[in-house]
Protein backbone atom coordinates (compact mmCIF):
# COMPACT_ATOMS: atom_id res chain seq x y z
CA UNK A 1 -6.65 22.07 38.91
CA UNK A 2 -4.39 24.93 38.28
CA UNK A 3 -4.08 26.81 34.86
CA UNK A 4 -0.49 25.31 34.55
CA UNK A 5 -1.86 21.85 34.91
CA UNK A 6 -4.57 22.44 32.31
CA UNK A 7 -2.04 23.80 29.84
CA UNK A 8 0.27 20.82 30.42
CA UNK A 9 -2.55 18.41 29.88
CA UNK A 10 -3.40 20.14 26.54
CA UNK A 11 0.10 19.97 25.39
CA UNK A 12 0.24 16.22 26.18
CA UNK A 13 -3.09 15.76 24.38
CA UNK A 14 -1.86 17.49 21.27
CA UNK A 15 1.36 15.47 21.46
CA UNK A 16 -0.65 12.21 21.50
CA UNK A 17 -2.91 13.40 18.71
CA UNK A 18 -0.03 14.30 16.54
CA UNK A 19 1.72 10.99 17.36
CA UNK A 20 -1.41 9.16 16.42
CA UNK A 21 -1.71 10.95 13.14
CA UNK A 22 1.89 10.36 12.29
CA UNK A 23 1.49 6.70 13.20
CA UNK A 24 -1.54 6.32 10.90
CA UNK A 25 0.36 7.99 8.01
CA UNK A 26 3.30 5.78 8.49
CA UNK A 27 1.01 2.68 8.41
CA UNK A 28 -0.77 3.89 5.23
CA UNK A 29 2.60 4.49 3.55
CA UNK A 30 3.79 1.12 4.56
CA UNK A 31 0.53 -0.59 3.22
CA UNK A 32 0.84 1.33 -0.09
CA UNK A 33 4.49 0.22 -0.51
CA UNK A 34 3.52 -3.43 0.23
CA UNK A 35 0.72 -3.24 -2.32
CA UNK A 36 3.11 -1.74 -4.98
CA UNK A 37 5.63 -4.56 -4.28
CA UNK A 38 3.02 -7.27 -4.49
CA UNK A 39 1.59 -5.85 -7.79
CA UNK A 40 5.19 -5.72 -9.28
CA UNK A 41 5.82 -9.29 -8.26
CA UNK A 42 2.52 -10.60 -9.55
CA UNK A 43 2.89 -8.78 -12.87
CA UNK A 44 6.53 -10.17 -13.24
CA UNK A 45 5.16 -13.69 -12.57
CA UNK A 46 2.16 -13.23 -14.93
CA UNK A 47 4.63 -12.19 -17.69
CA UNK A 48 6.62 -15.40 -17.14
CA UNK A 49 3.56 -17.82 -17.59
CA UNK A 50 3.35 -19.93 -20.71
CA UNK A 51 0.20 -20.06 -22.91
CA UNK A 52 -1.10 -23.28 -21.20
CA UNK A 53 -0.92 -21.66 -17.69
CA UNK A 54 -2.53 -18.49 -19.02
CA UNK A 55 -5.42 -20.57 -20.56
CA UNK A 56 -5.79 -22.29 -17.16
CA UNK A 57 -6.41 -18.98 -15.40
CA UNK A 58 -8.61 -17.82 -18.22
CA UNK A 59 -6.62 -15.02 -19.91
CA UNK A 60 -4.98 -14.62 -23.30
CA UNK A 61 -1.29 -13.75 -24.02
CA UNK A 62 -2.41 -10.26 -25.13
CA UNK A 63 -4.30 -9.66 -21.88
CA UNK A 64 -1.31 -11.02 -19.86
CA UNK A 65 1.02 -8.60 -21.73
CA UNK A 66 -1.33 -5.80 -21.13
CA UNK A 67 -1.68 -6.53 -17.39
CA UNK A 68 2.06 -7.27 -16.96
CA UNK A 69 3.08 -3.92 -18.60
CA UNK A 70 1.00 -1.78 -16.27
CA UNK A 71 3.04 0.27 -13.82
CA UNK A 72 3.18 -1.02 -10.26
CA UNK A 73 1.32 2.02 -8.92
CA UNK A 74 -1.73 1.40 -11.11
CA UNK A 75 -4.45 -1.19 -10.21
């Protein structure tokens, strides 16, 4: 194998490594955004439940208000 072939192989390996890191980063960002949207939707739905429904799931109105008022980025 020539020196040029070795250099070309290293460049290709670095490209694949960078592509893999970028792909993983994009997947993490996508998962985070999906979590944020799910939390926002669930908190909105929780805020709309009546007292009987809240009692059925075992939380009080005060707890529901507290949970529903949390920002979407906080668990």
